[in-house]
Amino acid sequence: MTVTVRTPELVRQVEDWAGALGQSPQDVVENALQSYLDEMEAESIRQETEAFWSIHKELLTTYAGLHIAIYHKQVIDSDRDANKLTRRIEKRFGRLPVLIAPVVRGQRRDILWRGGRIE
């Protein structure tokens, strides 16, 4: 895959930052893009987590004791085995952010996302 930066002002900014940082323009672009994608993923998971908790009571009636996968605020799959569910989701969605969380009774708690797994 080849990506081209077509905006001359953006190219100049990248070149200026590359010089200031002692990096190649390619490295500056890759680092900036990775940071942007990381932010997009974190925001997506935050939204999916909010969706999870907003429907948690309803989830308990159908999915109690299971792990569910939420994408675009909808349950797309479930399984007792989180690893099996994760493999299916990765096969279907690749590296897109999909929340996989256990449906258990109890108070709302933070769902921590760590390197592709929930803690």
Protein backbone atom coordinates (compact mmCIF):
# COMPACT_ATOMS: atom_id res chain seq x y z
CA MET A 1 0.00 0.00 0.00
CA THR A 2 1.24 3.45 -0.85
CA VAL A 3 -0.13 6.59 0.74
CA THR A 4 0.70 10.02 -0.63
CA VAL A 5 0.52 13.29 1.27
CA ARG A 6 -0.90 15.70 -1.29
CA THR A 7 -1.18 18.92 0.72
CA PRO A 8 2.02 20.96 0.23
CA GLU A 9 1.68 22.73 3.58
CA LEU A 10 1.33 19.39 5.37
CA VAL A 11 4.38 18.04 3.56
CA ARG A 12 6.37 21.10 4.73
CA GLN A 13 5.19 20.60 8.31
CA VAL A 14 6.23 16.95 8.24
CA GLU A 15 9.63 17.87 6.80
CA ASP A 16 10.11 20.61 9.41
CA TRP A 17 9.21 18.27 12.25
CA ALA A 18 11.41 15.54 10.83
CA GLY A 19 14.36 17.92 10.80
CA ALA A 20 13.64 19.18 14.31
CA LEU A 21 13.32 15.65 15.68
CA GLY A 22 16.19 14.16 13.74
CA GLN A 23 13.84 11.63 12.15
CA SER A 24 12.91 10.78 8.61
CA PRO A 25 9.68 12.26 7.24
CA GLN A 26 8.42 8.66 6.89
CA ASP A 27 8.96 8.05 10.63
CA VAL A 28 7.18 11.29 11.54
CA VAL A 29 4.18 10.35 9.38
CA GLU A 30 4.05 6.78 10.74
CA ASN A 31 4.30 7.95 14.36
CA ALA A 32 1.62 10.61 13.84
CA LEU A 33 -0.67 8.16 12.10
CA GLN A 34 -0.20 5.54 14.83
CA SER A 35 -1.03 8.12 17.51
CA TYR A 36 -4.15 9.15 15.61
CA LEU A 37 -5.29 5.55 15.15
CA ASP A 38 -4.64 4.81 18.85
CA GLU A 39 -6.85 7.79 19.79
CA MET A 40 -9.57 6.60 17.41
CA GLU A 41 -9.45 3.12 18.93
CA ALA A 42 -9.60 4.44 22.49
CA GLU A 43 -12.59 6.64 21.65
CA SER A 44 -14.35 3.77 19.91
CA ILE A 45 -13.84 1.45 22.88
CA ARG A 46 -15.04 4.22 25.23
CA GLN A 47 -18.25 4.52 23.20
CA GLU A 48 -18.75 0.76 23.08
CA THR A 49 -18.20 0.60 26.85
CA GLU A 50 -20.84 3.27 27.40
CA ALA A 51 -23.22 1.29 25.18
CA PHE A 52 -22.45 -1.86 27.18
CA TRP A 53 -23.34 -0.21 30.48
CA SER A 54 -26.41 1.54 29.10
CA ILE A 55 -27.94 -1.84 28.16
CA HIS A 56 -26.33 -3.91 30.92
CA LYS A 57 -29.64 -4.77 32.62
CA GLU A 58 -31.06 -6.09 29.32
CA LEU A 59 -27.83 -7.97 28.59
CA LEU A 60 -28.19 -9.87 31.86
CA THR A 61 -31.49 -11.37 30.70
CA THR A 62 -29.95 -12.89 27.57
CA TYR A 63 -26.19 -13.07 28.03
CA ALA A 64 -25.54 -13.53 31.77
CA GLY A 65 -22.35 -15.52 32.29
CA LEU A 66 -21.22 -15.05 28.70
CA HIS A 67 -18.71 -12.76 27.06
CA ILE A 68 -20.19 -10.52 24.40
CA ALA A 69 -18.72 -8.57 21.52
CA ILE A 70 -20.07 -5.07 20.89
CA TYR A 71 -19.43 -3.19 17.64
CA HIS A 72 -21.18 0.03 16.67
CA LYS A 73 -23.14 -0.20 19.93
CA GLN A 74 -24.71 -3.55 19.03
CA VAL A 75 -24.05 -7.06 20.32
CA ILE A 76 -22.59 -8.95 17.37
CA ASP A 77 -21.54 -12.24 19.00
CA SER A 78 -21.24 -14.05 22.33
CA ASP A 79 -19.55 -17.08 23.86
CA ARG A 80 -18.73 -18.60 27.24
CA ASP A 81 -15.11 -18.81 26.13
CA ALA A 82 -13.61 -15.32 25.73
CA ASN A 83 -10.68 -16.71 23.71
CA LYS A 84 -12.94 -18.39 21.16
CA LEU A 85 -15.01 -15.24 20.87
CA THR A 86 -11.90 -13.12 20.42
CA ARG A 87 -10.60 -15.37 17.63
CA ARG A 88 -13.92 -15.18 15.77
CA ILE A 89 -14.04 -11.41 16.12
CA GLU A 90 -10.44 -10.97 14.99
CA LYS A 91 -11.13 -13.16 11.96
CA ARG A 92 -14.21 -11.12 11.08
CA PHE A 93 -13.06 -7.58 11.96
CA GLY A 94 -9.27 -7.71 11.85
CA ARG A 95 -7.77 -4.94 13.93
CA LEU A 96 -10.91 -2.81 14.22
CA PRO A 97 -11.85 -2.03 17.82
CA VAL A 98 -14.57 -4.35 19.10
CA LEU A 99 -15.39 -4.45 22.79
CA ILE A 100 -15.40 -7.93 24.30
CA ALA A 101 -16.68 -7.96 27.85
CA PRO A 102 -18.14 -10.39 30.38
CA VAL A 103 -21.81 -9.99 31.26
CA VAL A 104 -21.97 -10.42 35.02
CA ARG A 105 -24.21 -9.13 37.77
CA GLY A 106 -22.98 -6.28 39.89
CA GLN A 107 -22.29 -2.60 39.96
CA ARG A 108 -20.80 -0.73 37.06
CA ARG A 109 -17.05 -0.98 37.00
CA ASP A 110 -14.42 0.23 34.62
CA ILE A 111 -13.58 -2.11 31.79
CA LEU A 112 -9.88 -1.78 31.14
CA TRP A 113 -8.55 -2.37 27.66
CA ARG A 114 -5.00 -3.69 27.71
CA GLY A 115 -3.29 -4.81 24.52
CA GLY A 116 -6.38 -6.36 23.04
CA ARG A 117 -7.84 -7.90 26.18
CA ILE A 118 -10.26 -6.82 28.89
CA GLU A 119 -9.21 -6.75 32.54
